């Protein structure tokens, strides 16, 4: 596996001459650039990026969720930043996007880009569709603690890079590194259970320092195939390093929920404490579930419409925001389910702000998610909660429960 990875890097090094042309341009701060397309499940240009760094060089594996043919018209450049508030003065041009093509499958198109990043903490990839005069920006942190390289997970069956933070039960994976020839990997399986996110007006947030319990730990050769035969949180890290890659293993239907236990659990954001406790502890979950929706929506047709909309949001939240938690349980997942994708998203060094435009039903509102470093992921965000969100929250929940919410 490592030999294959090294061969890939050699090919990339020959193909890529990052920064071969430099252009000055008038560009405002990144904080005035809208990234909301990245937080929409149906966005045709949503991307997942894995980065590795060694000294002044970074390699980015970019999975664009679009077919290669539709991406050939895009040109690509990048900018380097110490933080997102910096004024952007340069774009470093790259070869045409198709130059970096690696693989295409049902999950999207994989590209591998090598760039000189020096001491920059962030890289912005600019993908420009010249036919429509639209530019899509992708911001990526390129330095984790002590510049430790992330482990890459690959499908043992297809030898393709895994970008999702969730995998179906029974998947077999292998590990690799972008830069190093490493020989052993430690795999920790954690026994854990996270509660759903607290409402946005509950000022005391959930602790990110949850006491994890390692159920078992094994050391494997980096070339070994590793079968994920139990549900749980798997953490992969090189045996001599503490920073690695986590993935949660769930039922094969995930990110969609089909069993009544899962449907009841994920209704939490719409229920009172009493309703939720009654539903989750009862042997008649299906009856109470149906009763909840019918009593609130007042008609079977309206109940079906709201149920369909709510669990579509749950599935999308799982797809977009699963990290070491299920996506629907994260703060971003909670806000996405109840309010939908943001009208605008602004990146900041401390995190990201979601802005929702005023509608007939609800006022304009902004939620700020603070970026939190964890050993498990570099994509963990915690909502900055405020008491003044209370009226907005209850108003929106009432619209959901009564079936009056416009989707």
Protein backbone atom coordinates (compact mmCIF):
# COMPACT_ATOMS: atom_id res chain seq x y z
CA UNK A 1 0.00 0.00 0.00
CA UNK A 2 2.79 2.41 0.88
CA UNK A 3 4.61 1.56 -2.35
CA UNK A 4 1.49 2.43 -4.32
CA UNK A 5 1.19 5.68 -2.41
CA UNK A 6 4.81 6.62 -3.15
CA UNK A 7 4.31 5.87 -6.83
CA UNK A 8 1.26 8.15 -6.86
CA UNK A 9 3.24 10.98 -5.28
CA UNK A 10 6.00 10.63 -7.88
CA UNK A 11 3.41 10.94 -10.63
CA UNK A 12 1.90 13.97 -8.95
CA UNK A 13 5.32 15.59 -8.57
CA UNK A 14 5.98 15.22 -12.28
CA UNK A 15 2.58 16.54 -13.30
CA UNK A 16 2.18 19.42 -10.90
CA UNK A 17 4.10 22.69 -11.01
CA UNK A 18 2.18 24.62 -8.40
CA UNK A 19 2.66 28.36 -8.50
CA UNK A 20 4.14 28.50 -11.99
CA UNK A 21 2.46 31.86 -12.61
CA UNK A 22 1.53 34.56 -10.16
CA UNK A 23 -1.19 37.15 -10.66
CA UNK A 24 -2.00 40.21 -8.61
CA UNK A 25 -5.69 41.01 -8.33
CA UNK A 26 -8.09 43.14 -6.39
CA UNK A 27 -9.65 40.78 -3.87
CA UNK A 28 -11.29 41.64 -0.56
CA UNK A 29 -10.72 39.70 2.61
CA UNK A 30 -11.81 36.10 2.60
CA UNK A 31 -14.24 37.04 5.37
CA UNK A 32 -16.39 38.77 2.74
CA UNK A 33 -16.46 35.66 0.52
CA UNK A 34 -19.53 33.43 0.66
CA UNK A 35 -18.86 29.71 1.30
CA UNK A 36 -22.48 28.66 1.80
CA UNK A 37 -22.41 26.31 -1.21
CA UNK A 38 -20.18 24.05 0.91
CA UNK A 39 -22.98 23.59 3.44
CA UNK A 40 -25.69 22.51 1.01
CA UNK A 41 -26.18 18.81 0.47
CA UNK A 42 -27.39 19.30 -3.10
CA UNK A 43 -24.60 21.69 -4.13
CA UNK A 44 -23.03 20.55 -7.43
CA UNK A 45 -19.63 21.93 -6.37
CA UNK A 46 -19.29 20.70 -2.79
CA UNK A 47 -15.80 19.37 -2.04
CA UNK A 48 -14.01 17.28 0.57
CA UNK A 49 -10.30 17.92 1.07
CA UNK A 50 -7.59 15.92 2.86
CA UNK A 51 -4.22 17.59 3.27
CA UNK A 52 -0.78 16.42 4.26
CA UNK A 53 2.21 18.63 4.88
CA UNK A 54 5.96 18.18 5.05
CA UNK A 55 8.21 21.19 5.55
CA UNK A 56 7.08 23.80 3.01
CA UNK A 57 5.16 21.41 0.73
CA UNK A 58 1.54 20.33 0.98
CA UNK A 59 -0.41 17.76 -0.96
CA UNK A 60 -4.16 18.15 -1.18
CA UNK A 61 -6.46 15.31 -2.13
CA UNK A 62 -9.62 17.01 -3.39
CA UNK A 63 -12.86 15.12 -3.95
CA UNK A 64 -15.30 17.21 -6.00
CA UNK A 65 -18.77 15.72 -6.03
CA UNK A 66 -19.25 16.16 -9.75
CA UNK A 67 -18.28 14.08 -12.83
CA UNK A 68 -14.95 14.75 -14.53
CA UNK A 69 -16.51 15.85 -17.82
CA UNK A 70 -18.32 18.72 -16.12
CA UNK A 71 -15.09 19.81 -14.39
CA UNK A 72 -12.80 20.02 -17.43
CA UNK A 73 -13.87 23.62 -18.07
CA UNK A 74 -12.58 24.76 -14.66
CA UNK A 75 -9.30 26.55 -14.12
CA UNK A 76 -7.68 26.35 -10.70
CA UNK A 77 -5.44 28.68 -8.67
CA UNK A 78 -4.64 29.10 -5.01
CA UNK A 79 -3.85 31.70 -2.36
CA UNK A 80 -1.90 31.32 0.88
CA UNK A 81 -2.98 32.93 4.16
CA UNK A 82 -1.84 33.17 7.76
CA UNK A 83 -5.51 33.61 8.73
CA UNK A 84 -8.79 34.23 6.87
CA UNK A 85 -8.88 37.91 7.88
CA UNK A 86 -5.78 38.65 5.76
CA UNK A 87 -6.17 40.73 2.60
CA UNK A 88 -5.74 38.42 -0.38
CA UNK A 89 -3.32 39.90 -2.87
CA UNK A 90 -2.16 36.93 -4.93
CA UNK A 91 -3.45 33.97 -6.81
CA UNK A 92 -0.91 31.34 -7.82
CA UNK A 93 -2.01 29.69 -11.04
CA UNK A 94 -2.10 25.92 -11.46
CA UNK A 95 -2.46 23.73 -14.51
CA UNK A 96 -5.97 22.95 -15.82
CA UNK A 97 -7.92 20.99 -13.22
CA UNK A 98 -8.02 17.79 -15.27
CA UNK A 99 -4.19 17.64 -15.05
CA UNK A 100 -4.49 16.48 -11.45
CA UNK A 101 -7.17 13.84 -12.08
CA UNK A 102 -6.74 10.61 -10.11
CA UNK A 103 -10.01 8.72 -9.96
CA UNK A 104 -13.75 8.99 -10.67
CA UNK A 105 -16.56 6.98 -9.10
CA UNK A 106 -20.11 7.41 -7.78
CA UNK A 107 -18.84 9.58 -4.91
CA UNK A 108 -17.22 12.18 -7.16
CA UNK A 109 -13.92 12.98 -8.86
CA UNK A 110 -10.57 12.81 -7.05
CA UNK A 111 -7.71 15.22 -7.77
CA UNK A 112 -4.25 15.35 -6.19
CA UNK A 113 -2.58 18.76 -6.05
CA UNK A 114 0.91 19.53 -4.78
CA UNK A 115 1.74 23.08 -3.72
CA UNK A 116 4.48 25.03 -2.00
CA UNK A 117 2.88 26.57 1.08
CA UNK A 118 5.87 27.72 3.17
CA UNK A 119 4.57 28.82 6.60
CA UNK A 120 0.96 29.51 5.58
CA UNK A 121 -1.76 28.14 7.83
CA UNK A 122 -4.50 28.17 5.20
CA UNK A 123 -4.73 27.51 1.50
CA UNK A 124 -7.63 28.72 -0.64
CA UNK A 125 -8.32 26.82 -3.84
CA UNK A 126 -10.14 28.93 -6.43
CA UNK A 127 -12.08 26.91 -9.03
CA UNK A 128 -13.30 29.12 -11.83
CA UNK A 129 -15.97 28.19 -14.35
CA UNK A 130 -15.03 30.51 -17.22
CA UNK A 131 -18.20 29.68 -19.17
CA UNK A 132 -20.46 30.98 -16.37
CA UNK A 133 -18.03 33.49 -14.83
CA UNK A 134 -18.40 31.86 -11.41
CA UNK A 135 -15.57 31.18 -8.96
CA UNK A 136 -15.88 28.64 -6.15
CA UNK A 137 -13.49 29.08 -3.18
CA UNK A 138 -12.38 26.23 -0.91
CA UNK A 139 -10.61 27.07 2.34
CA UNK A 140 -8.45 24.40 3.99
CA UNK A 141 -6.34 24.46 7.14
CA UNK A 142 -3.02 22.96 6.15
CA UNK A 143 -1.35 22.74 9.54
CA UNK A 144 -2.45 20.55 12.38
CA UNK A 145 -0.56 20.16 15.62
CA UNK A 146 3.17 19.98 14.99
CA UNK A 147 2.47 19.50 11.28
CA UNK A 148 1.76 15.81 11.83
CA UNK A 149 0.53 14.21 8.62
CA UNK A 150 -3.00 12.86 8.62
CA UNK A 151 -3.49 9.18 8.00
CA UNK A 152 -5.25 8.40 4.76
CA UNK A 153 -7.82 5.61 4.73
CA UNK A 154 -8.33 3.67 1.54
CA UNK A 155 -10.91 1.11 0.53
CA UNK A 156 -9.21 -2.28 0.51
CA UNK A 157 -11.61 -3.35 -2.23
CA UNK A 158 -11.14 -0.48 -4.70
CA UNK A 159 -7.89 1.15 -3.44
CA UNK A 160 -9.65 4.55 -3.47
CA UNK A 161 -9.24 7.26 -0.84
CA UNK A 162 -12.03 7.47 1.75
CA UNK A 163 -13.23 11.02 2.42
CA UNK A 164 -16.37 10.38 4.47
CA UNK A 165 -16.07 10.26 8.26
CA UNK A 166 -18.53 7.38 8.38
CA UNK A 167 -18.42 3.89 6.92
CA UNK A 168 -20.90 0.99 6.79
CA UNK A 169 -20.43 -1.99 9.07
CA UNK A 170 -18.22 -4.63 7.47
CA UNK A 171 -16.04 -2.26 5.43
CA UNK A 172 -12.39 -3.26 5.03
CA UNK A 173 -9.81 -0.47 4.88
CA UNK A 174 -6.07 0.06 4.52
CA UNK A 175 -3.90 2.96 5.67
CA UNK A 176 -1.32 5.10 3.91
CA UNK A 177 0.71 8.29 4.29
CA UNK A 178 1.23 10.97 1.68
CA UNK A 179 4.88 11.48 2.55
CA UNK A 180 6.34 8.87 4.86
CA UNK A 181 7.18 5.19 4.63
CA UNK A 182 5.56 4.00 7.85
CA UNK A 183 5.28 0.43 8.97
CA UNK A 184 2.71 0.12 11.75
CA UNK A 185 -0.62 1.70 12.62
CA UNK A 186 -2.55 1.58 15.88
CA UNK A 187 -6.33 1.16 15.66
CA UNK A 188 -8.35 2.12 18.74
CA UNK A 189 -12.04 1.26 19.06
CA UNK A 190 -13.91 3.57 21.43
CA UNK A 191 -17.04 2.79 23.36
CA UNK A 192 -19.01 6.03 23.34
CA UNK A 193 -22.43 7.57 23.13
CA UNK A 194 -22.99 11.26 22.46
CA UNK A 195 -26.18 13.07 23.35
CA UNK A 196 -27.88 15.31 20.77
CA UNK A 197 -26.74 18.94 20.72
CA UNK A 198 -28.32 21.33 23.20
CA UNK A 199 -30.61 24.10 21.89
CA UNK A 200 -28.87 27.33 20.83
CA UNK A 201 -30.11 29.33 23.86
CA UNK A 202 -28.67 26.89 26.41
CA UNK A 203 -25.53 28.83 27.25
CA UNK A 204 -23.63 25.98 28.87
CA UNK A 205 -22.30 23.94 25.90
CA UNK A 206 -21.60 20.24 25.81
CA UNK A 207 -18.04 19.53 26.89
CA UNK A 208 -15.66 18.54 24.10
CA UNK A 209 -13.55 16.70 26.67
CA UNK A 210 -15.85 13.71 26.86
CA UNK A 211 -14.20 10.83 28.73
CA UNK A 212 -13.66 8.25 26.01
CA UNK A 213 -13.15 4.62 26.88
CA UNK A 214 -10.95 2.51 24.62
CA UNK A 215 -12.72 -0.79 24.25
CA UNK A 216 -9.80 -2.43 22.49
CA UNK A 217 -6.63 -1.44 20.66
CA UNK A 218 -4.62 -3.34 18.05
CA UNK A 219 -1.40 -2.67 16.16
CA UNK A 220 -1.37 -3.56 12.48
CA UNK A 221 1.20 -3.40 9.72
CA UNK A 222 0.46 -0.43 7.48
CA UNK A 223 -0.02 -2.80 4.54
CA UNK A 224 -2.63 -4.92 6.37
CA UNK A 225 -6.30 -4.85 5.57
CA UNK A 226 -8.43 -3.90 8.58
CA UNK A 227 -12.01 -5.14 8.79
CA UNK A 228 -14.42 -2.84 10.66
CA UNK A 229 -16.70 -5.49 12.13
CA UNK A 230 -18.18 -3.57 15.08
CA UNK A 231 -20.12 -0.34 15.35
CA UNK A 232 -18.28 2.45 17.11
CA UNK A 233 -15.63 5.12 16.78
CA UNK A 234 -12.39 3.91 15.18
CA UNK A 235 -9.25 5.97 15.59
CA UNK A 236 -6.25 5.29 13.33
CA UNK A 237 -2.84 6.74 14.18
CA UNK A 238 0.74 5.86 13.38
CA UNK A 239 2.12 3.95 16.33
CA UNK A 240 4.67 6.69 17.11
CA UNK A 241 2.16 9.58 16.78
CA UNK A 242 -0.86 10.80 18.72
CA UNK A 243 -2.68 12.62 15.90
CA UNK A 244 -4.60 10.54 13.39
CA UNK A 245 -7.89 9.93 11.62
CA UNK A 246 -11.23 8.90 13.07
CA UNK A 247 -14.23 7.31 11.40
CA UNK A 248 -17.50 6.09 12.84
CA UNK A 249 -18.97 2.78 11.72
CA UNK A 250 -22.73 2.51 11.51
CA UNK A 251 -25.50 0.44 9.97
CA UNK A 252 -25.43 0.20 6.18
CA UNK A 253 -28.40 2.55 5.79
CA UNK A 254 -26.51 5.46 7.43
CA UNK A 255 -26.68 8.44 6.83
CA UNK A 256 -30.37 7.61 6.42
CA UNK A 257 -32.36 6.31 9.39
CA UNK A 258 -34.89 3.54 8.76
CA UNK A 259 -35.44 1.79 12.10
CA UNK A 260 -38.02 3.22 14.50
CA UNK A 261 -35.44 3.48 17.31
CA UNK A 262 -33.29 5.78 15.18
CA UNK A 263 -36.26 7.81 13.95
CA UNK A 264 -37.42 8.36 17.53
CA UNK A 265 -33.94 9.24 18.79
CA UNK A 266 -33.39 11.88 16.10
CA UNK A 267 -36.73 13.60 16.71
CA UNK A 268 -35.17 15.11 19.83
CA UNK A 269 -35.01 18.70 18.57
CA UNK A 270 -38.80 18.90 18.15
CA UNK A 271 -39.89 17.33 21.44
CA UNK A 272 -40.25 18.37 25.04
CA UNK A 273 -38.25 16.47 27.65
CA UNK A 274 -41.37 14.57 28.71
CA UNK A 275 -42.33 13.62 25.15
CA UNK A 276 -38.83 12.44 24.36
CA UNK A 277 -38.43 10.36 27.51
CA UNK A 278 -41.80 8.73 26.99
CA UNK A 279 -41.07 7.88 23.37
CA UNK A 280 -37.54 6.55 23.88
CA UNK A 281 -38.39 4.35 26.88
CA UNK A 282 -41.67 2.91 25.61
CA UNK A 283 -42.14 -0.50 24.01
CA UNK A 284 -44.69 1.17 21.72
CA UNK A 285 -42.32 3.56 19.97
CA UNK A 286 -44.05 3.34 16.59
CA UNK A 287 -47.48 4.16 18.04
CA UNK A 288 -46.15 7.12 20.04
CA UNK A 289 -44.12 8.33 17.04
CA UNK A 290 -47.20 8.37 14.78
CA UNK A 291 -49.27 9.95 17.54
CA UNK A 292 -46.75 12.76 17.99
CA UNK A 293 -46.83 13.80 14.34
CA UNK A 294 -50.60 13.40 13.87
CA UNK A 295 -51.51 15.29 17.04
CA UNK A 296 -49.30 18.22 16.07
CA UNK A 297 -49.82 18.39 12.31
CA UNK A 298 -53.58 17.72 12.64
CA UNK A 299 -53.80 15.80 9.36
CA UNK A 300 -52.15 12.66 7.92
CA UNK A 301 -51.20 14.45 4.70
CA UNK A 302 -49.49 17.32 6.51
CA UNK A 303 -47.79 14.89 8.92
CA UNK A 304 -46.33 12.90 6.03
CA UNK A 305 -45.01 16.06 4.40
CA UNK A 306 -43.32 17.26 7.59
CA UNK A 307 -41.88 13.82 8.43
CA UNK A 308 -40.41 13.58 4.94
CA UNK A 309 -38.86 17.05 5.20
CA UNK A 310 -37.49 16.54 8.72
CA UNK A 311 -35.76 13.23 8.05
CA UNK A 312 -34.39 14.49 4.77
CA UNK A 313 -32.65 17.18 6.84
CA UNK A 314 -31.43 14.53 9.30
CA UNK A 315 -29.93 12.49 6.47
CA UNK A 316 -28.29 15.57 4.96
CA UNK A 317 -26.89 16.62 8.36
CA UNK A 318 -25.37 13.15 8.76
CA UNK A 319 -23.82 13.42 5.31
CA UNK A 320 -22.42 16.93 5.80
CA UNK A 321 -21.37 17.06 9.44
CA UNK A 322 -20.48 13.60 10.74
CA UNK A 323 -17.10 13.80 12.47
CA UNK A 324 -16.48 11.72 15.56
CA UNK A 325 -20.16 12.37 16.29
CA UNK A 326 -23.10 11.51 14.10
CA UNK A 327 -23.84 14.58 12.01
CA UNK A 328 -27.34 15.16 13.36
CA UNK A 329 -25.96 15.34 16.93
CA UNK A 330 -23.42 18.08 16.14
CA UNK A 331 -24.16 21.77 16.64
CA UNK A 332 -23.99 22.43 12.90
CA UNK A 333 -26.25 19.44 12.29
CA UNK A 334 -28.84 20.72 14.78
CA UNK A 335 -28.98 24.20 13.21
CA UNK A 336 -29.05 22.74 9.69
CA UNK A 337 -31.97 20.42 10.54
CA UNK A 338 -34.11 23.15 12.12
CA UNK A 339 -33.18 26.17 9.97
CA UNK A 340 -31.86 24.57 6.79
CA UNK A 341 -28.66 25.44 4.87
CA UNK A 342 -27.39 28.99 5.52
CA UNK A 343 -28.09 31.83 3.10
CA UNK A 344 -24.47 32.87 3.49
CA UNK A 345 -21.40 31.39 5.24
CA UNK A 346 -18.37 33.49 6.20
CA UNK A 347 -15.06 31.90 7.25
CA UNK A 348 -13.07 33.36 10.12
CA UNK A 349 -9.90 32.26 11.89
CA UNK A 350 -11.92 31.31 14.96
CA UNK A 351 -14.61 29.49 13.02
CA UNK A 352 -17.48 30.07 10.60
CA UNK A 353 -20.59 32.25 10.67
CA UNK A 354 -23.87 31.10 9.16
CA UNK A 355 -26.26 33.88 8.16
CA UNK A 356 -29.96 33.30 7.46
CA UNK A 357 -31.86 35.95 5.52
CA UNK A 358 -35.20 37.27 6.78
CA UNK A 359 -38.23 35.29 5.62
CA UNK A 360 -41.98 35.71 5.98
CA UNK A 361 -41.82 33.36 8.98
CA UNK A 362 -38.56 34.31 10.70
CA UNK A 363 -36.21 37.29 11.17
CA UNK A 364 -32.63 37.52 9.92
CA UNK A 365 -30.28 35.65 12.23
CA UNK A 366 -26.59 34.69 12.41
CA UNK A 367 -25.03 31.70 14.19
CA UNK A 368 -21.31 31.52 14.88
CA UNK A 369 -19.54 28.16 15.17
CA UNK A 370 -16.17 28.18 16.88
CA UNK A 371 -13.51 25.83 15.54
CA UNK A 372 -12.23 23.42 18.20
CA UNK A 373 -9.07 21.35 17.80
CA UNK A 374 -9.40 17.70 18.75
CA UNK A 375 -7.15 14.71 18.15
CA UNK A 376 -9.99 13.04 16.24
CA UNK A 377 -10.72 15.64 13.57
CA UNK A 378 -9.89 19.13 12.34
CA UNK A 379 -13.55 19.70 11.43
CA UNK A 380 -15.18 20.09 14.85
CA UNK A 381 -17.24 23.24 15.45
CA UNK A 382 -19.13 24.34 18.56
CA UNK A 383 -22.02 26.82 18.42
CA UNK A 384 -21.64 30.03 20.39
CA UNK A 385 -24.93 29.89 22.29
CA UNK A 386 -26.90 32.97 23.35
CA UNK A 387 -30.00 33.36 25.56
CA UNK A 388 -31.54 35.69 22.96
CA UNK A 389 -31.95 32.74 20.56
CA UNK A 390 -34.75 31.37 22.78
CA UNK A 391 -37.77 33.06 21.15
CA UNK A 392 -36.46 32.30 17.66
CA UNK A 393 -35.89 28.65 18.54
CA UNK A 394 -39.32 28.07 20.05
CA UNK A 395 -40.99 29.90 17.18
CA UNK A 396 -39.22 27.70 14.62
CA UNK A 397 -39.92 24.50 16.54
CA UNK A 398 -43.61 25.44 16.71
CA UNK A 399 -43.65 25.88 12.92
CA UNK A 400 -42.16 22.41 12.50
CA UNK A 401 -44.54 20.73 14.94
CA UNK A 402 -47.64 22.34 13.47
CA UNK A 403 -46.61 21.60 9.90
CA UNK A 404 -46.50 25.29 8.97
CA UNK A 405 -42.77 25.38 8.22
CA UNK A 406 -41.91 26.29 4.65
CA UNK A 407 -39.12 24.08 3.33
